[in-house]
Amino acid sequence: METLTKSKDARIVDINNVMYDDSIYETAILNSAGFCDKYKTTTCLIYVSAISKQGEDTSTGDFFGCGRTPGDLDLEEVAEKAAGRSVSILGGKKIKSQRVDLLLDPVVSAQFLGVIAGTLTADSVQKRKSLFEGKIGYHYWGQDVDYSEYDNPSRTSLPNNLEPGESATIEVLIIGVTNEGIYVLQIDPVLEGHFWFSSKDIPMLEGRTYFGSCSD
């Protein structure tokens, strides 16, 4: 892998790191809504970090490949992109602090999402390291909606004997930042917790709900 990466560009002078790893593991998923299941899988990963030099300027760049089996790894692509990322910032200059629109590299975008995803694990919540700690039972969706309350307790029961794929409609009061009012809540009993809010005044809202006590 080192030889292959160095061959991609004459400015690659050394390899900072090369790593290969493979795993076989089993994942169990359990949540407060009653879901419980598990699955087994395999993964393998190869990573290389290249050092490039041009004049007095030195830079590094890396890339990786992953798959289910070693045969899924494209060594040529990993070497090519690691070398390209390393030499691409040769001659780069610092810029002044400013507020600008930013277009992120896909790998960098994934790293940001990885930080957020880490806060969603049960381990993070239980160790009180998550922004969702203490929020079990709260409702999260967009469109400036905070949470929902049953508008009329006598009208919140789902019809009996629903067939798979059928939808039921009940009315609820949605308390939102800007749009208070009566909305129609459509629930698919097959897709547990999945719902659609709609009214004549605003576009359809979509999300998930938890049927229990509400808090603000």
N, C-alpha and C. Protein backbone atom coordinates (compact mmCIF):
# COMPACT_ATOMS: atom_id res chain seq x y z
N MET A 1 0.83 -1.20 0.00
CA MET A 1 0.00 0.00 0.00
C MET A 1 0.87 1.26 0.00
N GLU A 2 1.97 1.20 0.74
CA GLU A 2 2.89 2.34 0.76
C GLU A 2 3.47 2.60 -0.63
N THR A 3 3.94 1.53 -1.27
CA THR A 3 4.54 1.66 -2.61
C THR A 3 3.52 2.17 -3.61
N LEU A 4 2.31 1.67 -3.53
CA LEU A 4 1.26 2.08 -4.45
C LEU A 4 0.93 3.55 -4.28
N THR A 5 0.84 4.01 -3.04
CA THR A 5 0.51 5.42 -2.78
C THR A 5 1.63 6.34 -3.25
N LYS A 6 2.87 5.98 -2.99
CA LYS A 6 4.01 6.80 -3.42
C LYS A 6 4.09 6.91 -4.93
N SER A 7 3.63 5.88 -5.63
CA SER A 7 3.72 5.88 -7.09
C SER A 7 2.71 6.82 -7.74
N LYS A 8 1.75 7.32 -6.99
CA LYS A 8 0.70 8.15 -7.56
C LYS A 8 1.14 9.58 -7.86
N ASP A 9 2.17 10.05 -7.18
CA ASP A 9 2.63 11.42 -7.41
C ASP A 9 4.07 11.54 -6.91
N ALA A 10 4.92 12.16 -7.71
CA ALA A 10 6.34 12.29 -7.34
C ALA A 10 6.54 13.13 -6.09
N ARG A 11 5.54 13.94 -5.74
CA ARG A 11 5.67 14.79 -4.56
C ARG A 11 5.36 14.06 -3.25
N ILE A 12 4.89 12.83 -3.34
CA ILE A 12 4.68 12.02 -2.14
C ILE A 12 6.04 11.50 -1.69
N VAL A 13 6.50 11.97 -0.55
CA VAL A 13 7.86 11.63 -0.09
C VAL A 13 7.87 10.57 1.00
N ASP A 14 6.76 10.36 1.66
CA ASP A 14 6.74 9.37 2.74
C ASP A 14 5.29 9.00 3.06
N ILE A 15 5.16 7.94 3.82
CA ILE A 15 3.84 7.49 4.28
C ILE A 15 3.79 7.64 5.79
N ASN A 16 2.81 8.38 6.25
CA ASN A 16 2.69 8.65 7.68
C ASN A 16 2.08 7.48 8.44
N ASN A 17 1.13 6.80 7.81
CA ASN A 17 0.45 5.71 8.50
C ASN A 17 -0.28 4.82 7.50
N VAL A 18 -0.23 3.53 7.73
CA VAL A 18 -1.03 2.57 6.96
C VAL A 18 -1.70 1.64 7.97
N MET A 19 -2.97 1.37 7.77
CA MET A 19 -3.68 0.52 8.73
C MET A 19 -4.67 -0.38 7.99
N TYR A 20 -4.75 -1.62 8.45
CA TYR A 20 -5.79 -2.54 7.98
C TYR A 20 -6.47 -3.16 9.19
N ASP A 21 -7.77 -3.30 9.13
CA ASP A 21 -8.50 -3.88 10.26
C ASP A 21 -9.73 -4.61 9.73
N ASP A 22 -10.05 -5.74 10.32
CA ASP A 22 -11.31 -6.40 9.98
C ASP A 22 -11.98 -6.89 11.26
N SER A 23 -13.30 -6.99 11.21
CA SER A 23 -14.08 -7.32 12.40
C SER A 23 -15.28 -8.19 12.05
N ILE A 24 -15.65 -9.02 13.00
CA ILE A 24 -16.91 -9.75 12.96
C ILE A 24 -17.63 -9.41 14.26
N TYR A 25 -18.84 -8.88 14.16
CA TYR A 25 -19.50 -8.47 15.40
C TYR A 25 -21.01 -8.65 15.31
N GLU A 26 -21.62 -8.61 16.47
CA GLU A 26 -23.07 -8.73 16.60
C GLU A 26 -23.60 -7.49 17.30
N THR A 27 -24.63 -6.89 16.75
CA THR A 27 -25.22 -5.67 17.31
C THR A 27 -26.64 -5.95 17.79
N ALA A 28 -26.93 -5.55 19.01
CA ALA A 28 -28.28 -5.66 19.57
C ALA A 28 -28.87 -4.27 19.70
N ILE A 29 -30.14 -4.12 19.33
CA ILE A 29 -30.84 -2.84 19.40
C ILE A 29 -32.07 -3.01 20.28
N LEU A 30 -32.18 -2.18 21.30
CA LEU A 30 -33.30 -2.21 22.23
C LEU A 30 -33.69 -0.78 22.55
N ASN A 31 -34.97 -0.44 22.44
CA ASN A 31 -35.38 0.93 22.77
C ASN A 31 -36.61 0.95 23.66
N SER A 32 -36.96 2.13 24.13
CA SER A 32 -38.06 2.29 25.08
C SER A 32 -39.43 2.11 24.43
N ALA A 33 -39.47 2.02 23.10
CA ALA A 33 -40.74 1.79 22.41
C ALA A 33 -41.06 0.31 22.25
N GLY A 34 -40.20 -0.56 22.79
CA GLY A 34 -40.46 -1.98 22.74
C GLY A 34 -39.73 -2.72 21.63
N PHE A 35 -38.92 -2.02 20.84
CA PHE A 35 -38.19 -2.69 19.75
C PHE A 35 -37.01 -3.47 20.33
N CYS A 36 -36.83 -4.68 19.87
CA CYS A 36 -35.71 -5.50 20.32
C CYS A 36 -35.31 -6.44 19.19
N ASP A 37 -34.09 -6.31 18.69
CA ASP A 37 -33.63 -7.18 17.62
C ASP A 37 -32.10 -7.14 17.58
N LYS A 38 -31.50 -8.00 16.79
CA LYS A 38 -30.05 -8.03 16.67
C LYS A 38 -29.66 -8.50 15.28
N TYR A 39 -28.41 -8.22 14.91
CA TYR A 39 -27.91 -8.68 13.62
C TYR A 39 -26.40 -8.88 13.71
N LYS A 40 -25.88 -9.72 12.82
CA LYS A 40 -24.44 -9.97 12.74
C LYS A 40 -23.92 -9.43 11.42
N THR A 41 -22.68 -8.99 11.42
CA THR A 41 -22.10 -8.48 10.17
C THR A 41 -20.57 -8.53 10.25
N THR A 42 -19.94 -8.30 9.12
CA THR A 42 -18.48 -8.21 9.05
C THR A 42 -18.10 -6.89 8.40
N THR A 43 -16.95 -6.37 8.76
CA THR A 43 -16.42 -5.16 8.12
C THR A 43 -14.91 -5.29 7.98
N CYS A 44 -14.37 -4.61 6.99
CA CYS A 44 -12.92 -4.50 6.88
C CYS A 44 -12.59 -3.08 6.40
N LEU A 45 -11.44 -2.60 6.81
CA LEU A 45 -11.06 -1.22 6.55
C LEU A 45 -9.58 -1.14 6.23
N ILE A 46 -9.23 -0.32 5.25
CA ILE A 46 -7.82 -0.01 4.99
C ILE A 46 -7.67 1.50 4.94
N TYR A 47 -6.58 1.99 5.48
CA TYR A 47 -6.37 3.44 5.62
C TYR A 47 -4.90 3.75 5.32
N VAL A 48 -4.68 4.87 4.64
CA VAL A 48 -3.31 5.32 4.38
C VAL A 48 -3.25 6.83 4.48
N SER A 49 -2.18 7.33 5.08
CA SER A 49 -1.93 8.76 5.20
C SER A 49 -0.59 9.07 4.55
N ALA A 50 -0.61 9.99 3.57
CA ALA A 50 0.59 10.29 2.77
C ALA A 50 1.14 11.67 3.10
N ILE A 51 2.46 11.78 3.05
CA ILE A 51 3.15 13.05 3.26
C ILE A 51 3.71 13.52 1.92
N SER A 52 3.39 14.74 1.55
CA SER A 52 3.91 15.30 0.29
C SER A 52 4.75 16.54 0.58
N LYS A 53 5.65 16.84 -0.35
CA LYS A 53 6.54 17.99 -0.16
C LYS A 53 6.80 18.66 -1.50
N GLN A 54 6.80 19.99 -1.47
CA GLN A 54 7.12 20.79 -2.65
C GLN A 54 7.86 22.03 -2.17
N GLY A 55 9.15 22.07 -2.46
CA GLY A 55 9.97 23.16 -1.92
C GLY A 55 10.05 23.04 -0.41
N GLU A 56 9.71 24.12 0.27
CA GLU A 56 9.71 24.11 1.73
C GLU A 56 8.35 23.76 2.32
N ASP A 57 7.39 23.53 1.46
CA ASP A 57 6.02 23.28 1.91
C ASP A 57 5.76 21.78 2.04
N THR A 58 5.22 21.38 3.18
CA THR A 58 4.89 19.98 3.44
C THR A 58 3.43 19.86 3.86
N SER A 59 2.77 18.84 3.39
CA SER A 59 1.37 18.63 3.77
C SER A 59 1.08 17.14 3.86
N THR A 60 -0.04 16.82 4.47
CA THR A 60 -0.47 15.43 4.59
C THR A 60 -1.90 15.29 4.06
N GLY A 61 -2.22 14.10 3.65
CA GLY A 61 -3.58 13.79 3.20
C GLY A 61 -3.83 12.31 3.37
N ASP A 62 -5.06 11.95 3.62
CA ASP A 62 -5.36 10.54 3.85
C ASP A 62 -6.65 10.13 3.16
N PHE A 63 -6.86 8.83 3.11
CA PHE A 63 -8.11 8.30 2.59
C PHE A 63 -8.24 6.86 3.08
N PHE A 64 -9.43 6.29 2.90
CA PHE A 64 -9.69 4.95 3.41
C PHE A 64 -10.67 4.23 2.48
N GLY A 65 -10.73 2.95 2.64
CA GLY A 65 -11.72 2.14 1.95
C GLY A 65 -12.31 1.15 2.93
N CYS A 66 -13.57 0.79 2.75
CA CYS A 66 -14.20 -0.16 3.66
C CYS A 66 -15.17 -1.04 2.89
N GLY A 67 -15.48 -2.18 3.45
CA GLY A 67 -16.40 -3.11 2.82
C GLY A 67 -16.69 -4.27 3.74
N ARG A 68 -17.45 -5.23 3.24
CA ARG A 68 -17.77 -6.41 4.02
C ARG A 68 -16.62 -7.42 4.03
N THR A 69 -15.89 -7.49 2.92
CA THR A 69 -14.79 -8.44 2.78
C THR A 69 -13.59 -7.73 2.19
N PRO A 70 -12.37 -8.29 2.33
CA PRO A 70 -11.18 -7.67 1.72
C PRO A 70 -11.32 -7.49 0.22
N GLY A 71 -12.08 -8.36 -0.44
CA GLY A 71 -12.27 -8.23 -1.87
C GLY A 71 -13.04 -6.99 -2.27
N ASP A 72 -13.73 -6.37 -1.31
CA ASP A 72 -14.48 -5.14 -1.59
C ASP A 72 -13.59 -3.91 -1.60
N LEU A 73 -12.36 -4.03 -1.12
CA LEU A 73 -11.48 -2.87 -0.99
C LEU A 73 -10.81 -2.54 -2.32
N ASP A 74 -10.87 -1.29 -2.73
CA ASP A 74 -10.24 -0.82 -3.96
C ASP A 74 -8.95 -0.09 -3.58
N LEU A 75 -7.82 -0.81 -3.59
CA LEU A 75 -6.55 -0.23 -3.16
C LEU A 75 -6.10 0.90 -4.07
N GLU A 76 -6.37 0.77 -5.36
CA GLU A 76 -5.99 1.83 -6.30
C GLU A 76 -6.70 3.13 -5.96
N GLU A 77 -7.98 3.06 -5.68
CA GLU A 77 -8.74 4.26 -5.36
C GLU A 77 -8.26 4.88 -4.06
N VAL A 78 -8.01 4.06 -3.05
CA VAL A 78 -7.55 4.58 -1.76
C VAL A 78 -6.21 5.29 -1.92
N ALA A 79 -5.27 4.67 -2.64
CA ALA A 79 -3.95 5.27 -2.85
C ALA A 79 -4.06 6.56 -3.65
N GLU A 80 -4.87 6.54 -4.71
CA GLU A 80 -5.03 7.71 -5.57
C GLU A 80 -5.60 8.89 -4.80
N LYS A 81 -6.63 8.65 -4.01
CA LYS A 81 -7.27 9.75 -3.29
C LYS A 81 -6.43 10.24 -2.12
N ALA A 82 -5.71 9.35 -1.47
CA ALA A 82 -4.83 9.79 -0.39
C ALA A 82 -3.72 10.69 -0.93
N ALA A 83 -3.13 10.29 -2.04
CA ALA A 83 -2.08 11.10 -2.66
C ALA A 83 -2.65 12.43 -3.14
N GLY A 84 -3.81 12.38 -3.79
CA GLY A 84 -4.42 13.61 -4.29
C GLY A 84 -4.78 14.58 -3.19
N ARG A 85 -5.31 14.07 -2.08
CA ARG A 85 -5.68 14.95 -0.97
C ARG A 85 -4.44 15.56 -0.32
N SER A 86 -3.34 14.83 -0.34
CA SER A 86 -2.10 15.35 0.24
C SER A 86 -1.51 16.48 -0.59
N VAL A 87 -1.38 16.26 -1.88
CA VAL A 87 -0.73 17.28 -2.73
C VAL A 87 -1.65 18.45 -3.03
N SER A 88 -2.96 18.26 -2.86
CA SER A 88 -3.90 19.33 -3.23
C SER A 88 -3.78 20.56 -2.35
N ILE A 89 -3.26 20.41 -1.15
CA ILE A 89 -3.15 21.57 -0.26
C ILE A 89 -1.73 22.12 -0.18
N LEU A 90 -0.83 21.61 -1.00
CA LEU A 90 0.51 22.21 -1.08
C LEU A 90 0.38 23.64 -1.59
N GLY A 91 1.05 24.56 -0.94
CA GLY A 91 0.96 25.96 -1.34
C GLY A 91 -0.23 26.69 -0.77
N GLY A 92 -1.01 26.01 0.06
CA GLY A 92 -2.18 26.65 0.66
C GLY A 92 -1.79 27.74 1.64
N LYS A 93 -2.60 28.77 1.74
CA LYS A 93 -2.34 29.90 2.64
C LYS A 93 -3.49 30.04 3.64
N LYS A 94 -3.17 30.57 4.80
CA LYS A 94 -4.20 30.86 5.78
C LYS A 94 -5.05 32.03 5.29
N ILE A 95 -6.33 32.01 5.66
CA ILE A 95 -7.21 33.12 5.30
C ILE A 95 -7.64 33.85 6.57
N LYS A 96 -8.05 35.08 6.41
CA LYS A 96 -8.49 35.87 7.55
C LYS A 96 -9.82 35.33 8.08
N SER A 97 -10.04 35.53 9.37
CA SER A 97 -11.32 35.13 9.97
C SER A 97 -12.45 35.89 9.31
N GLN A 98 -13.49 35.18 8.92
CA GLN A 98 -14.62 35.80 8.24
C GLN A 98 -15.81 34.86 8.24
N ARG A 99 -16.98 35.40 7.95
CA ARG A 99 -18.20 34.59 7.87
C ARG A 99 -18.50 34.36 6.39
N VAL A 100 -18.47 33.09 5.97
CA VAL A 100 -18.66 32.76 4.56
C VAL A 100 -19.50 31.49 4.45
N ASP A 101 -20.06 31.28 3.27
CA ASP A 101 -20.70 30.00 2.97
C ASP A 101 -19.61 28.96 2.77
N LEU A 102 -19.81 27.77 3.28
CA LEU A 102 -18.78 26.75 3.27
C LEU A 102 -19.27 25.49 2.58
N LEU A 103 -18.49 25.01 1.61
CA LEU A 103 -18.79 23.76 0.93
C LEU A 103 -17.83 22.71 1.49
N LEU A 104 -18.37 21.72 2.20
CA LEU A 104 -17.54 20.73 2.86
C LEU A 104 -17.23 19.54 1.96
N ASP A 105 -16.02 19.04 2.10
CA ASP A 105 -15.65 17.78 1.48
C ASP A 105 -16.55 16.68 2.04
N PRO A 106 -16.98 15.71 1.22
CA PRO A 106 -17.87 14.66 1.72
C PRO A 106 -17.34 13.94 2.95
N VAL A 107 -16.04 13.69 3.00
CA VAL A 107 -15.47 13.01 4.16
C VAL A 107 -15.58 13.87 5.41
N VAL A 108 -15.34 15.17 5.26
CA VAL A 108 -15.46 16.09 6.40
C VAL A 108 -16.92 16.17 6.86
N SER A 109 -17.85 16.20 5.91
CA SER A 109 -19.27 16.21 6.26
C SER A 109 -19.63 14.98 7.07
N ALA A 110 -19.11 13.83 6.66
CA ALA A 110 -19.39 12.58 7.38
C ALA A 110 -18.81 12.63 8.79
N GLN A 111 -17.66 13.29 8.96
CA GLN A 111 -17.08 13.41 10.29
C GLN A 111 -17.96 14.25 11.21
N PHE A 112 -18.54 15.32 10.68
CA PHE A 112 -19.47 16.13 11.47
C PHE A 112 -20.68 15.30 11.88
N LEU A 113 -21.24 14.54 10.92
CA LEU A 113 -22.40 13.71 11.22
C LEU A 113 -22.05 12.63 12.23
N GLY A 114 -20.80 12.15 12.17
CA GLY A 114 -20.36 11.14 13.13
C GLY A 114 -20.38 11.65 14.56
N VAL A 115 -20.01 12.92 14.73
CA VAL A 115 -20.04 13.53 16.06
C VAL A 115 -21.47 13.57 16.58
N ILE A 116 -22.41 13.98 15.70
CA ILE A 116 -23.81 14.05 16.10
C ILE A 116 -24.36 12.66 16.38
N ALA A 117 -24.02 11.70 15.52
CA ALA A 117 -24.53 10.33 15.69
C ALA A 117 -24.09 9.74 17.02
N GLY A 118 -22.89 10.10 17.46
CA GLY A 118 -22.40 9.58 18.72
C GLY A 118 -23.24 9.97 19.91
N THR A 119 -23.96 11.08 19.81
CA THR A 119 -24.81 11.53 20.92
C THR A 119 -26.13 10.79 20.97
N LEU A 120 -26.43 9.99 19.95
CA LEU A 120 -27.71 9.30 19.88
C LEU A 120 -27.67 7.92 20.51
N THR A 121 -26.50 7.43 20.87
CA THR A 121 -26.40 6.08 21.41
C THR A 121 -26.90 6.02 22.84
N ALA A 122 -27.42 4.85 23.22
CA ALA A 122 -27.89 4.66 24.59
C ALA A 122 -26.75 4.84 25.58
N ASP A 123 -25.55 4.41 25.19
CA ASP A 123 -24.40 4.56 26.07
C ASP A 123 -24.14 6.03 26.40
N SER A 124 -24.23 6.91 25.40
CA SER A 124 -24.01 8.34 25.64
C SER A 124 -25.09 8.92 26.53
N VAL A 125 -26.34 8.49 26.31
CA VAL A 125 -27.44 9.00 27.14
C VAL A 125 -27.28 8.56 28.58
N GLN A 126 -26.97 7.28 28.79
CA GLN A 126 -26.84 6.74 30.14
C GLN A 126 -25.65 7.33 30.89
N LYS A 127 -24.61 7.72 30.15
CA LYS A 127 -23.45 8.35 30.79
C LYS A 127 -23.59 9.86 30.89
N ARG A 128 -24.78 10.35 30.50
CA ARG A 128 -25.10 11.78 30.58
C ARG A 128 -24.15 12.62 29.73
N LYS A 129 -23.77 12.08 28.57
CA LYS A 129 -22.90 12.78 27.64
C LYS A 129 -23.66 13.21 26.38
N SER A 130 -24.97 13.06 26.39
CA SER A 130 -25.77 13.34 25.21
C SER A 130 -26.68 14.53 25.43
N LEU A 131 -26.90 15.32 24.37
CA LEU A 131 -27.84 16.42 24.46
C LEU A 131 -29.27 15.92 24.60
N PHE A 132 -29.48 14.60 24.39
CA PHE A 132 -30.81 14.02 24.56
C PHE A 132 -30.98 13.39 25.94
N GLU A 133 -30.02 13.55 26.82
CA GLU A 133 -30.11 13.00 28.17
C GLU A 133 -31.30 13.61 28.90
N GLY A 134 -32.15 12.74 29.47
CA GLY A 134 -33.33 13.23 30.18
C GLY A 134 -34.49 13.58 29.28
N LYS A 135 -34.41 13.26 27.99
CA LYS A 135 -35.45 13.67 27.04
C LYS A 135 -36.32 12.51 26.56
N ILE A 136 -36.25 11.35 27.21
CA ILE A 136 -37.08 10.23 26.78
C ILE A 136 -38.55 10.62 26.87
N GLY A 137 -39.30 10.38 25.80
CA GLY A 137 -40.71 10.74 25.77
C GLY A 137 -40.98 12.09 25.15
N TYR A 138 -39.92 12.89 24.89
CA TYR A 138 -40.12 14.16 24.21
C TYR A 138 -40.32 13.90 22.72
N HIS A 139 -40.85 14.90 22.02
CA HIS A 139 -41.18 14.76 20.61
C HIS A 139 -40.29 15.69 19.80
N TYR A 140 -39.68 15.16 18.75
CA TYR A 140 -38.78 15.95 17.93
C TYR A 140 -39.20 15.89 16.47
N TRP A 141 -39.48 17.03 15.88
CA TRP A 141 -39.67 17.14 14.44
C TRP A 141 -39.52 18.60 14.06
N GLY A 142 -39.51 18.86 12.77
CA GLY A 142 -39.26 20.22 12.29
C GLY A 142 -40.52 21.04 12.17
N GLN A 143 -40.48 22.03 11.30
CA GLN A 143 -41.61 22.89 10.99
C GLN A 143 -42.09 23.67 12.21
N ASP A 144 -41.19 24.03 13.13
CA ASP A 144 -41.52 24.85 14.30
C ASP A 144 -42.57 24.22 15.20
N VAL A 145 -42.68 22.91 15.21
CA VAL A 145 -43.64 22.24 16.08
C VAL A 145 -42.90 21.72 17.30
N ASP A 146 -43.42 22.03 18.50
CA ASP A 146 -42.76 21.62 19.73
C ASP A 146 -43.23 20.25 20.21
N TYR A 147 -44.52 20.09 20.38
CA TYR A 147 -45.06 18.82 20.84
C TYR A 147 -46.55 18.77 20.58
N SER A 148 -47.17 17.62 20.85
CA SER A 148 -48.60 17.47 20.57
C SER A 148 -49.35 17.09 21.83
N GLU A 149 -50.62 17.47 21.88
CA GLU A 149 -51.53 17.06 22.95
C GLU A 149 -52.79 16.49 22.31
N TYR A 150 -53.42 15.58 23.01
CA TYR A 150 -54.70 15.10 22.51
C TYR A 150 -55.73 16.20 22.64
N ASP A 151 -56.42 16.49 21.58
CA ASP A 151 -57.42 17.56 21.59
C ASP A 151 -58.69 17.13 22.32
N ASN A 152 -59.10 15.90 22.12
CA ASN A 152 -60.33 15.41 22.72
C ASN A 152 -60.12 13.95 23.11
N PRO A 153 -59.99 13.66 24.41
CA PRO A 153 -59.69 12.29 24.82
C PRO A 153 -60.68 11.26 24.30
N SER A 154 -61.92 11.68 24.06
CA SER A 154 -62.92 10.74 23.59
C SER A 154 -62.73 10.39 22.12
N ARG A 155 -61.83 11.09 21.43
CA ARG A 155 -61.65 10.87 20.00
C ARG A 155 -60.26 10.36 19.66
N THR A 156 -59.48 9.93 20.68
CA THR A 156 -58.10 9.55 20.41
C THR A 156 -57.91 8.05 20.24
N SER A 157 -58.94 7.26 20.44
CA SER A 157 -58.79 5.82 20.29
C SER A 157 -58.75 5.44 18.82
N LEU A 158 -57.82 4.55 18.48
CA LEU A 158 -57.76 4.06 17.11
C LEU A 158 -58.88 3.07 16.86
N PRO A 159 -59.42 3.02 15.65
CA PRO A 159 -60.47 2.05 15.33
C PRO A 159 -59.98 0.62 15.55
N ASN A 160 -60.89 -0.26 15.93
CA ASN A 160 -60.55 -1.66 16.13
C ASN A 160 -60.47 -2.39 14.79
N ASN A 161 -59.78 -3.52 14.82
CA ASN A 161 -59.73 -4.43 13.67
C ASN A 161 -59.14 -3.78 12.42
N LEU A 162 -58.10 -2.97 12.59
CA LEU A 162 -57.43 -2.39 11.42
C LEU A 162 -56.66 -3.48 10.69
N GLU A 163 -56.73 -3.47 9.39
CA GLU A 163 -55.98 -4.40 8.57
C GLU A 163 -54.58 -3.84 8.32
N PRO A 164 -53.56 -4.70 8.12
CA PRO A 164 -52.22 -4.21 7.81
C PRO A 164 -52.23 -3.28 6.60
N GLY A 165 -51.59 -2.13 6.75
CA GLY A 165 -51.53 -1.16 5.67
C GLY A 165 -52.62 -0.12 5.72
N GLU A 166 -53.68 -0.35 6.51
CA GLU A 166 -54.74 0.65 6.63
C GLU A 166 -54.28 1.80 7.52
N SER A 167 -54.84 2.97 7.31
CA SER A 167 -54.51 4.14 8.11
C SER A 167 -55.72 4.57 8.93
N ALA A 168 -55.45 5.09 10.13
CA ALA A 168 -56.51 5.61 10.98
C ALA A 168 -56.31 7.10 11.14
N THR A 169 -57.39 7.83 11.31
CA THR A 169 -57.32 9.29 11.44
C THR A 169 -57.96 9.72 12.76
N ILE A 170 -57.23 10.51 13.55
CA ILE A 170 -57.77 11.12 14.76
C ILE A 170 -57.38 12.59 14.75
N GLU A 171 -58.02 13.38 15.58
CA GLU A 171 -57.69 14.80 15.65
C GLU A 171 -56.90 15.10 16.91
N VAL A 172 -55.87 15.90 16.76
CA VAL A 172 -55.04 16.30 17.90
C VAL A 172 -54.78 17.79 17.82
N LEU A 173 -54.41 18.36 18.93
CA LEU A 173 -54.03 19.77 18.96
C LEU A 173 -52.52 19.85 18.94
N ILE A 174 -51.96 20.50 17.92
CA ILE A 174 -50.52 20.68 17.80
C ILE A 174 -50.16 22.04 18.35
N ILE A 175 -49.32 22.06 19.37
CA ILE A 175 -48.88 23.32 19.94
C ILE A 175 -47.51 23.63 19.37
N GLY A 176 -47.42 24.63 18.53
CA GLY A 176 -46.17 24.97 17.87
C GLY A 176 -45.78 26.40 18.14
N VAL A 177 -44.59 26.75 17.67
CA VAL A 177 -44.08 28.10 17.88
C VAL A 177 -44.92 29.12 17.13
N THR A 178 -45.31 28.77 15.91
CA THR A 178 -46.02 29.75 15.09
C THR A 178 -47.38 29.28 14.59
N ASN A 179 -47.61 27.98 14.61
CA ASN A 179 -48.83 27.46 14.00
C ASN A 179 -49.64 26.63 14.99
N GLU A 180 -50.46 27.29 15.81
CA GLU A 180 -51.34 26.57 16.71
C GLU A 180 -52.66 26.28 16.01
N GLY A 181 -53.28 25.17 16.36
CA GLY A 181 -54.55 24.87 15.74
C GLY A 181 -54.85 23.39 15.74
N ILE A 182 -55.93 23.01 15.10
CA ILE A 182 -56.35 21.62 15.03
C ILE A 182 -55.80 21.01 13.75
N TYR A 183 -55.14 19.87 13.89
CA TYR A 183 -54.55 19.18 12.75
C TYR A 183 -55.10 17.77 12.68
N VAL A 184 -55.00 17.17 11.52
CA VAL A 184 -55.37 15.77 11.36
C VAL A 184 -54.11 14.93 11.49
N LEU A 185 -54.15 13.94 12.36
CA LEU A 185 -53.02 13.05 12.59
C LEU A 185 -53.36 11.69 11.98
N GLN A 186 -52.62 11.29 10.98
CA GLN A 186 -52.84 10.00 10.33
C GLN A 186 -51.74 9.05 10.74
N ILE A 187 -52.12 7.89 11.25
CA ILE A 187 -51.16 6.93 11.77
C ILE A 187 -51.27 5.63 11.00
N ASP A 188 -50.14 5.11 10.57
CA ASP A 188 -50.11 3.80 9.94
C ASP A 188 -49.78 2.78 11.02
N PRO A 189 -50.67 1.86 11.35
CA PRO A 189 -50.42 0.92 12.44
C PRO A 189 -49.30 -0.06 12.14
N VAL A 190 -48.94 -0.21 10.88
CA VAL A 190 -47.85 -1.13 10.53
C VAL A 190 -46.50 -0.48 10.80
N LEU A 191 -46.36 0.80 10.43
CA LEU A 191 -45.14 1.54 10.70
C LEU A 191 -45.29 2.20 12.06
N GLU A 192 -44.90 1.52 13.09
CA GLU A 192 -45.17 1.95 14.46
C GLU A 192 -44.63 3.35 14.72
N GLY A 193 -45.50 4.21 15.20
CA GLY A 193 -45.08 5.55 15.58
C GLY A 193 -44.94 6.52 14.43
N HIS A 194 -45.16 6.08 13.20
CA HIS A 194 -45.00 6.97 12.05
C HIS A 194 -46.31 7.69 11.79
N PHE A 195 -46.24 9.00 11.59
CA PHE A 195 -47.47 9.75 11.42
C PHE A 195 -47.29 10.89 10.43
N TRP A 196 -48.41 11.47 10.02
CA TRP A 196 -48.43 12.64 9.17
C TRP A 196 -49.40 13.65 9.76
N PHE A 197 -48.96 14.89 9.93
CA PHE A 197 -49.85 15.97 10.35
C PHE A 197 -50.26 16.77 9.12
N SER A 198 -51.49 17.17 9.05
CA SER A 198 -51.89 18.04 7.94
C SER A 198 -53.06 18.92 8.37
N SER A 199 -53.15 20.07 7.76
CA SER A 199 -54.29 20.96 7.94
C SER A 199 -54.45 21.76 6.67
N LYS A 200 -55.54 22.48 6.55
CA LYS A 200 -55.78 23.24 5.33
C LYS A 200 -54.89 24.48 5.24
N ASP A 201 -54.27 24.87 6.37
CA ASP A 201 -53.52 26.12 6.40
C ASP A 201 -52.03 25.96 6.15
N ILE A 202 -51.46 24.78 6.41
CA ILE A 202 -50.02 24.60 6.27
C ILE A 202 -49.74 23.31 5.51
N PRO A 203 -48.53 23.17 4.98
CA PRO A 203 -48.18 21.92 4.30
C PRO A 203 -48.19 20.75 5.28
N MET A 204 -48.16 19.57 4.75
CA MET A 204 -48.15 18.37 5.57
C MET A 204 -46.84 18.29 6.36
N LEU A 205 -46.93 17.92 7.62
CA LEU A 205 -45.77 17.68 8.47
C LEU A 205 -45.61 16.18 8.63
N GLU A 206 -44.39 15.74 8.80
CA GLU A 206 -44.16 14.31 8.94
C GLU A 206 -43.16 14.07 10.04
N GLY A 207 -43.32 13.00 10.79
CA GLY A 207 -42.37 12.70 11.85
C GLY A 207 -42.75 11.45 12.61
N ARG A 208 -42.32 11.40 13.88
CA ARG A 208 -42.64 10.26 14.73
C ARG A 208 -43.18 10.79 16.04
N THR A 209 -43.99 9.98 16.72
CA THR A 209 -44.58 10.44 17.97
C THR A 209 -44.52 9.35 19.03
N TYR A 210 -44.64 9.78 20.28
CA TYR A 210 -44.68 8.86 21.41
C TYR A 210 -45.98 9.11 22.15
N PHE A 211 -46.83 8.09 22.30
CA PHE A 211 -48.12 8.30 22.93
C PHE A 211 -47.98 8.12 24.43
N GLY A 212 -47.81 9.22 25.12
CA GLY A 212 -47.68 9.23 26.57
C GLY A 212 -47.86 10.65 27.03
N SER A 213 -47.41 10.93 28.25
CA SER A 213 -47.55 12.29 28.76
C SER A 213 -46.63 13.23 28.03
N CYS A 214 -47.03 14.48 27.84
CA CYS A 214 -46.26 15.48 27.12
C CYS A 214 -45.66 16.46 28.11
N SER A 215 -44.49 16.96 27.79
CA SER A 215 -43.83 17.96 28.63
C SER A 215 -43.38 19.10 27.74
N ASP A 216 -43.31 20.32 28.28
CA ASP A 216 -42.80 21.42 27.48
C ASP A 216 -41.54 21.95 28.13
